[in-house]
Amino acid sequence: MCRVSLESKTDMSKSYVKGGTPIGSESKCSTCSYAHIMTGYRESEMVTICNDVHPNIVVPFNIHECTGYYDKNRPSWQQMEKLAIHVSAGKPKPVGFKVGAGFGETTVRVVEDDDDYDEDDE
């Protein structure tokens, strides 16, 4: 008797396949900085012009993937620099192990025992 858990079925249905059937029909152009979109009162009255290519072209269909896509909601480099917190380097810290109380002086005792047996001595 073979049982398949419900979790494995739902996990397989959510896997991503590159180049597979796109989910949804919203065009990439609606969030692209290079798109000039003119819409009318009806859903069918929409003209999209791509300003990324030269000469500019009218896009006749919804775009799923575009190599010239630039998200208009993403901040520019200048905006990111303006929002950035400037952090200055502080005083450099010493490198190595910290030495605390009692660690400054270490005594090493070497005890030689004549009774030690070494295999190399033979």
N, C-alpha and C. Protein backbone atom coordinates (compact mmCIF):
# COMPACT_ATOMS: atom_id res chain seq x y z
N MET A 1 0.85 -1.18 0.00
CA MET A 1 0.00 0.00 0.00
C MET A 1 0.89 1.24 0.00
N CYS A 2 0.72 2.09 -0.96
CA CYS A 2 1.54 3.29 -1.12
C CYS A 2 0.71 4.52 -0.81
N ARG A 3 1.20 5.35 0.08
CA ARG A 3 0.50 6.58 0.43
C ARG A 3 1.34 7.77 0.02
N VAL A 4 0.71 8.72 -0.61
CA VAL A 4 1.37 9.95 -1.01
C VAL A 4 0.75 11.06 -0.18
N SER A 5 1.61 11.82 0.50
CA SER A 5 1.07 12.88 1.35
C SER A 5 0.55 14.03 0.50
N LEU A 6 -0.37 14.77 1.06
CA LEU A 6 -0.97 15.91 0.37
C LEU A 6 0.06 17.01 0.16
N GLU A 7 1.04 17.12 1.07
CA GLU A 7 2.06 18.15 0.97
C GLU A 7 2.90 17.99 -0.29
N SER A 8 3.24 16.75 -0.65
CA SER A 8 4.08 16.56 -1.82
C SER A 8 3.32 16.94 -3.10
N LYS A 9 2.01 16.75 -3.12
CA LYS A 9 1.24 17.14 -4.29
C LYS A 9 1.22 18.66 -4.45
N THR A 10 1.05 19.39 -3.35
CA THR A 10 1.02 20.84 -3.44
C THR A 10 2.40 21.40 -3.75
N ASP A 11 3.45 20.77 -3.26
CA ASP A 11 4.80 21.25 -3.56
C ASP A 11 5.11 21.11 -5.04
N MET A 12 4.69 20.03 -5.66
CA MET A 12 4.98 19.82 -7.07
C MET A 12 4.20 20.79 -7.95
N SER A 13 3.04 21.23 -7.50
CA SER A 13 2.26 22.13 -8.33
C SER A 13 2.82 23.55 -8.33
N LYS A 14 3.70 23.87 -7.38
CA LYS A 14 4.25 25.21 -7.28
C LYS A 14 5.65 25.32 -7.88
N SER A 15 6.14 24.28 -8.52
CA SER A 15 7.50 24.34 -9.05
C SER A 15 7.57 25.27 -10.25
N TYR A 16 8.73 25.87 -10.44
CA TYR A 16 8.94 26.84 -11.51
C TYR A 16 9.60 26.15 -12.69
N VAL A 17 9.06 26.35 -13.86
CA VAL A 17 9.63 25.82 -15.08
C VAL A 17 10.00 26.99 -15.97
N LYS A 18 11.29 27.13 -16.27
CA LYS A 18 11.75 28.25 -17.09
C LYS A 18 11.21 28.08 -18.51
N GLY A 19 10.60 29.15 -19.01
CA GLY A 19 10.03 29.10 -20.35
C GLY A 19 8.67 28.41 -20.39
N GLY A 20 8.09 28.13 -19.22
CA GLY A 20 6.79 27.47 -19.18
C GLY A 20 5.66 28.45 -19.44
N THR A 21 4.45 28.00 -19.22
CA THR A 21 3.28 28.84 -19.45
C THR A 21 3.24 29.95 -18.43
N PRO A 22 3.15 31.21 -18.85
CA PRO A 22 3.13 32.32 -17.90
C PRO A 22 1.82 32.35 -17.13
N ILE A 23 1.92 32.75 -15.86
CA ILE A 23 0.75 32.89 -15.01
C ILE A 23 0.36 34.36 -15.01
N GLY A 24 -0.88 34.64 -15.33
CA GLY A 24 -1.34 36.02 -15.40
C GLY A 24 -1.08 36.61 -16.77
N SER A 25 -1.69 37.75 -17.02
CA SER A 25 -1.53 38.35 -18.35
C SER A 25 -1.13 39.81 -18.27
N GLU A 26 -0.64 40.27 -17.12
CA GLU A 26 -0.22 41.66 -17.00
C GLU A 26 1.10 41.85 -17.72
N SER A 27 1.18 42.90 -18.49
CA SER A 27 2.37 43.17 -19.29
C SER A 27 3.47 43.75 -18.42
N LYS A 28 4.71 43.41 -18.75
CA LYS A 28 5.87 43.98 -18.06
C LYS A 28 5.95 45.48 -18.28
N CYS A 29 5.39 45.93 -19.41
CA CYS A 29 5.47 47.34 -19.77
C CYS A 29 4.77 48.25 -18.76
N SER A 30 3.79 47.72 -18.02
CA SER A 30 3.05 48.57 -17.07
C SER A 30 3.92 49.06 -15.92
N THR A 31 5.04 48.38 -15.64
CA THR A 31 5.94 48.81 -14.57
C THR A 31 7.33 49.16 -15.08
N CYS A 32 7.47 49.37 -16.39
CA CYS A 32 8.78 49.65 -16.98
C CYS A 32 8.97 51.16 -17.15
N SER A 33 10.18 51.62 -16.87
CA SER A 33 10.50 53.04 -17.02
C SER A 33 10.53 53.48 -18.47
N TYR A 34 10.81 52.58 -19.39
CA TYR A 34 10.96 52.93 -20.80
C TYR A 34 9.65 52.88 -21.56
N ALA A 35 8.55 52.53 -20.90
CA ALA A 35 7.28 52.39 -21.60
C ALA A 35 6.47 53.68 -21.53
N HIS A 36 5.85 54.02 -22.66
CA HIS A 36 4.91 55.13 -22.72
C HIS A 36 3.56 54.50 -23.03
N ILE A 37 2.67 54.49 -22.04
CA ILE A 37 1.39 53.78 -22.16
C ILE A 37 0.26 54.79 -22.20
N MET A 38 -0.56 54.67 -23.22
CA MET A 38 -1.75 55.51 -23.34
C MET A 38 -2.96 54.59 -23.31
N THR A 39 -3.89 54.86 -22.38
CA THR A 39 -5.09 54.03 -22.26
C THR A 39 -6.33 54.87 -22.52
N GLY A 40 -7.32 54.23 -23.10
CA GLY A 40 -8.59 54.88 -23.36
C GLY A 40 -9.60 54.47 -22.31
N TYR A 41 -10.86 54.69 -22.61
CA TYR A 41 -11.92 54.36 -21.66
C TYR A 41 -12.26 52.87 -21.67
N ARG A 42 -12.00 52.20 -22.75
CA ARG A 42 -12.26 50.77 -22.84
C ARG A 42 -10.96 50.01 -22.61
N GLU A 43 -11.11 48.75 -22.27
CA GLU A 43 -9.93 47.92 -22.02
C GLU A 43 -9.13 47.70 -23.30
N SER A 44 -9.82 47.69 -24.41
CA SER A 44 -9.14 47.45 -25.69
C SER A 44 -8.43 48.70 -26.21
N GLU A 45 -8.71 49.86 -25.62
CA GLU A 45 -8.09 51.10 -26.08
C GLU A 45 -6.81 51.38 -25.29
N MET A 46 -5.73 50.77 -25.74
CA MET A 46 -4.44 50.96 -25.08
C MET A 46 -3.34 50.88 -26.12
N VAL A 47 -2.45 51.86 -26.07
CA VAL A 47 -1.28 51.88 -26.96
C VAL A 47 -0.04 51.94 -26.07
N THR A 48 0.89 51.03 -26.30
CA THR A 48 2.14 51.00 -25.55
C THR A 48 3.28 51.26 -26.52
N ILE A 49 4.12 52.24 -26.19
CA ILE A 49 5.28 52.57 -27.02
C ILE A 49 6.54 52.32 -26.18
N CYS A 50 7.46 51.56 -26.74
CA CYS A 50 8.71 51.25 -26.05
C CYS A 50 9.76 52.27 -26.44
N ASN A 51 10.30 52.99 -25.45
CA ASN A 51 11.32 54.02 -25.70
C ASN A 51 12.74 53.48 -25.54
N ASP A 52 12.88 52.18 -25.24
CA ASP A 52 14.21 51.61 -25.04
C ASP A 52 14.89 51.29 -26.36
N VAL A 53 14.12 51.03 -27.39
CA VAL A 53 14.70 50.69 -28.69
C VAL A 53 14.65 51.92 -29.60
N HIS A 54 15.53 51.95 -30.60
CA HIS A 54 15.54 53.07 -31.54
C HIS A 54 15.35 52.53 -32.94
N PRO A 55 14.41 52.92 -33.69
CA PRO A 55 13.36 53.89 -33.38
C PRO A 55 12.33 53.27 -32.44
N ASN A 56 11.65 54.14 -31.70
CA ASN A 56 10.64 53.67 -30.75
C ASN A 56 9.58 52.88 -31.49
N ILE A 57 9.10 51.80 -30.85
CA ILE A 57 8.12 50.94 -31.51
C ILE A 57 6.84 50.85 -30.70
N VAL A 58 5.74 50.59 -31.40
CA VAL A 58 4.47 50.33 -30.75
C VAL A 58 4.44 48.84 -30.43
N VAL A 59 4.16 48.50 -29.18
CA VAL A 59 4.14 47.10 -28.76
C VAL A 59 2.73 46.56 -29.02
N PRO A 60 2.59 45.58 -29.92
CA PRO A 60 1.25 45.12 -30.30
C PRO A 60 0.62 44.10 -29.36
N PHE A 61 1.34 43.63 -28.34
CA PHE A 61 0.80 42.60 -27.45
C PHE A 61 1.39 42.78 -26.05
N ASN A 62 0.84 42.06 -25.07
CA ASN A 62 1.37 42.12 -23.70
C ASN A 62 2.73 41.42 -23.65
N ILE A 63 3.66 42.04 -22.97
CA ILE A 63 5.02 41.51 -22.88
C ILE A 63 5.17 40.69 -21.61
N HIS A 64 5.68 39.47 -21.76
CA HIS A 64 5.93 38.59 -20.60
C HIS A 64 7.34 38.76 -20.07
N GLU A 65 8.32 38.88 -20.96
CA GLU A 65 9.72 39.01 -20.57
C GLU A 65 10.41 39.96 -21.54
N CYS A 66 11.27 40.83 -21.01
CA CYS A 66 11.93 41.82 -21.85
C CYS A 66 13.36 42.03 -21.34
N THR A 67 14.34 42.05 -22.24
CA THR A 67 15.73 42.23 -21.83
C THR A 67 16.04 43.68 -21.49
N GLY A 68 15.24 44.63 -21.99
CA GLY A 68 15.46 46.04 -21.69
C GLY A 68 14.62 46.54 -20.55
N TYR A 69 14.00 45.64 -19.78
CA TYR A 69 13.08 46.03 -18.71
C TYR A 69 13.83 46.71 -17.57
N TYR A 70 13.33 47.87 -17.15
CA TYR A 70 13.88 48.59 -16.00
C TYR A 70 12.71 49.02 -15.13
N ASP A 71 12.61 48.45 -13.95
CA ASP A 71 11.48 48.68 -13.05
C ASP A 71 11.45 50.14 -12.61
N LYS A 72 10.34 50.82 -12.88
CA LYS A 72 10.25 52.24 -12.51
C LYS A 72 10.05 52.44 -11.02
N ASN A 73 9.74 51.38 -10.28
CA ASN A 73 9.59 51.48 -8.83
C ASN A 73 10.92 51.29 -8.11
N ARG A 74 11.94 50.88 -8.83
CA ARG A 74 13.27 50.69 -8.24
C ARG A 74 13.97 52.04 -8.17
N PRO A 75 14.58 52.37 -7.03
CA PRO A 75 15.26 53.68 -6.93
C PRO A 75 16.52 53.73 -7.79
N SER A 76 16.85 54.93 -8.24
CA SER A 76 18.06 55.12 -9.03
C SER A 76 19.27 55.13 -8.10
N TRP A 77 20.46 55.13 -8.70
CA TRP A 77 21.70 55.14 -7.91
C TRP A 77 21.78 56.42 -7.07
N GLN A 78 21.41 57.54 -7.64
CA GLN A 78 21.46 58.81 -6.91
C GLN A 78 20.48 58.80 -5.73
N GLN A 79 19.29 58.23 -5.93
CA GLN A 79 18.33 58.15 -4.83
C GLN A 79 18.83 57.24 -3.72
N MET A 80 19.49 56.14 -4.09
CA MET A 80 20.03 55.24 -3.07
C MET A 80 21.16 55.90 -2.30
N GLU A 81 22.01 56.68 -2.98
CA GLU A 81 23.09 57.40 -2.29
C GLU A 81 22.52 58.45 -1.34
N LYS A 82 21.43 59.07 -1.75
CA LYS A 82 20.80 60.10 -0.92
C LYS A 82 20.20 59.49 0.35
N LEU A 83 19.65 58.29 0.24
CA LEU A 83 19.03 57.62 1.37
C LEU A 83 20.01 56.85 2.25
N ALA A 84 21.22 56.64 1.75
CA ALA A 84 22.19 55.80 2.45
C ALA A 84 22.66 56.45 3.75
N ILE A 85 22.95 55.62 4.71
CA ILE A 85 23.52 56.07 5.98
C ILE A 85 25.03 55.99 5.84
N HIS A 86 25.70 57.10 6.05
CA HIS A 86 27.16 57.13 5.92
C HIS A 86 27.78 56.64 7.22
N VAL A 87 28.61 55.62 7.09
CA VAL A 87 29.27 55.01 8.23
C VAL A 87 30.76 55.27 8.10
N SER A 88 31.32 55.92 9.11
CA SER A 88 32.75 56.18 9.07
C SER A 88 33.47 55.11 9.89
N ALA A 89 34.68 54.82 9.47
CA ALA A 89 35.46 53.81 10.17
C ALA A 89 35.91 54.36 11.52
N GLY A 90 35.75 53.58 12.54
CA GLY A 90 36.16 53.99 13.88
C GLY A 90 37.62 53.66 14.13
N LYS A 91 38.01 53.78 15.38
CA LYS A 91 39.38 53.47 15.77
C LYS A 91 39.63 51.98 15.54
N PRO A 92 40.71 51.62 14.87
CA PRO A 92 40.96 50.20 14.61
C PRO A 92 41.21 49.43 15.90
N LYS A 93 40.69 48.24 15.96
CA LYS A 93 40.85 47.39 17.15
C LYS A 93 42.09 46.53 16.98
N PRO A 94 42.71 46.15 18.10
CA PRO A 94 43.90 45.30 18.00
C PRO A 94 43.54 43.93 17.43
N VAL A 95 44.47 43.38 16.69
CA VAL A 95 44.27 42.09 16.07
C VAL A 95 44.87 41.02 16.97
N GLY A 96 44.21 39.88 17.06
CA GLY A 96 44.73 38.77 17.83
C GLY A 96 43.84 38.44 19.00
N PHE A 97 44.38 37.66 19.93
CA PHE A 97 43.63 37.25 21.09
C PHE A 97 43.61 38.35 22.13
N LYS A 98 42.49 38.46 22.82
CA LYS A 98 42.42 39.44 23.90
C LYS A 98 43.15 38.90 25.11
N VAL A 99 43.81 39.80 25.80
CA VAL A 99 44.55 39.41 26.98
C VAL A 99 43.84 40.03 28.18
N GLY A 100 43.38 39.18 29.07
CA GLY A 100 42.67 39.66 30.25
C GLY A 100 43.53 39.49 31.48
N ALA A 101 42.88 39.67 32.63
CA ALA A 101 43.60 39.54 33.89
C ALA A 101 44.05 38.09 34.06
N GLY A 102 45.32 37.93 34.36
CA GLY A 102 45.85 36.58 34.57
C GLY A 102 46.38 35.93 33.30
N PHE A 103 46.14 36.53 32.17
CA PHE A 103 46.62 35.94 30.93
C PHE A 103 47.92 36.59 30.45
N GLY A 104 48.31 37.66 31.08
CA GLY A 104 49.51 38.37 30.65
C GLY A 104 50.78 37.59 30.90
N GLU A 105 50.84 36.88 32.02
CA GLU A 105 52.03 36.11 32.35
C GLU A 105 51.68 34.63 32.38
N THR A 106 52.44 33.88 31.67
CA THR A 106 52.22 32.44 31.64
C THR A 106 53.53 31.75 31.94
N THR A 107 53.48 30.80 32.83
CA THR A 107 54.68 30.04 33.14
C THR A 107 54.51 28.64 32.58
N VAL A 108 55.54 28.14 32.01
CA VAL A 108 55.53 26.80 31.43
C VAL A 108 56.55 25.97 32.18
N ARG A 109 56.09 24.81 32.66
CA ARG A 109 57.00 23.91 33.36
C ARG A 109 57.24 22.70 32.48
N VAL A 110 58.47 22.34 32.33
CA VAL A 110 58.83 21.14 31.59
C VAL A 110 59.31 20.13 32.60
N VAL A 111 58.60 19.03 32.66
CA VAL A 111 58.96 17.98 33.61
C VAL A 111 59.44 16.79 32.81
N GLU A 112 60.66 16.39 33.11
CA GLU A 112 61.19 15.22 32.42
C GLU A 112 61.04 14.04 33.35
N ASP A 113 60.46 13.00 32.81
CA ASP A 113 60.27 11.79 33.61
C ASP A 113 61.08 10.68 32.96
N ASP A 114 61.93 10.08 33.73
CA ASP A 114 62.79 9.02 33.20
C ASP A 114 62.01 7.76 32.89
N ASP A 115 60.82 7.63 33.46
CA ASP A 115 60.04 6.41 33.27
C ASP A 115 59.21 6.43 31.99
N ASP A 116 59.23 7.55 31.25
CA ASP A 116 58.46 7.61 30.00
C ASP A 116 59.00 6.59 29.01
N TYR A 117 58.14 5.88 28.39
CA TYR A 117 58.53 4.88 27.42
C TYR A 117 58.19 5.39 26.03
N ASP A 118 59.17 5.47 25.18
CA ASP A 118 58.98 5.92 23.83
C ASP A 118 59.33 4.79 22.88
N GLU A 119 58.50 4.56 21.88
CA GLU A 119 58.78 3.50 20.93
C GLU A 119 59.98 3.86 20.05
N ASP A 120 60.21 5.15 19.85
CA ASP A 120 61.30 5.58 19.00
C ASP A 120 62.67 5.34 19.65
N ASP A 121 62.70 5.20 20.98
CA ASP A 121 63.97 5.02 21.69
C ASP A 121 64.57 3.64 21.41
N GLU A 122 63.78 2.70 20.99
CA GLU A 122 64.31 1.36 20.80
C GLU A 122 65.08 1.19 19.53
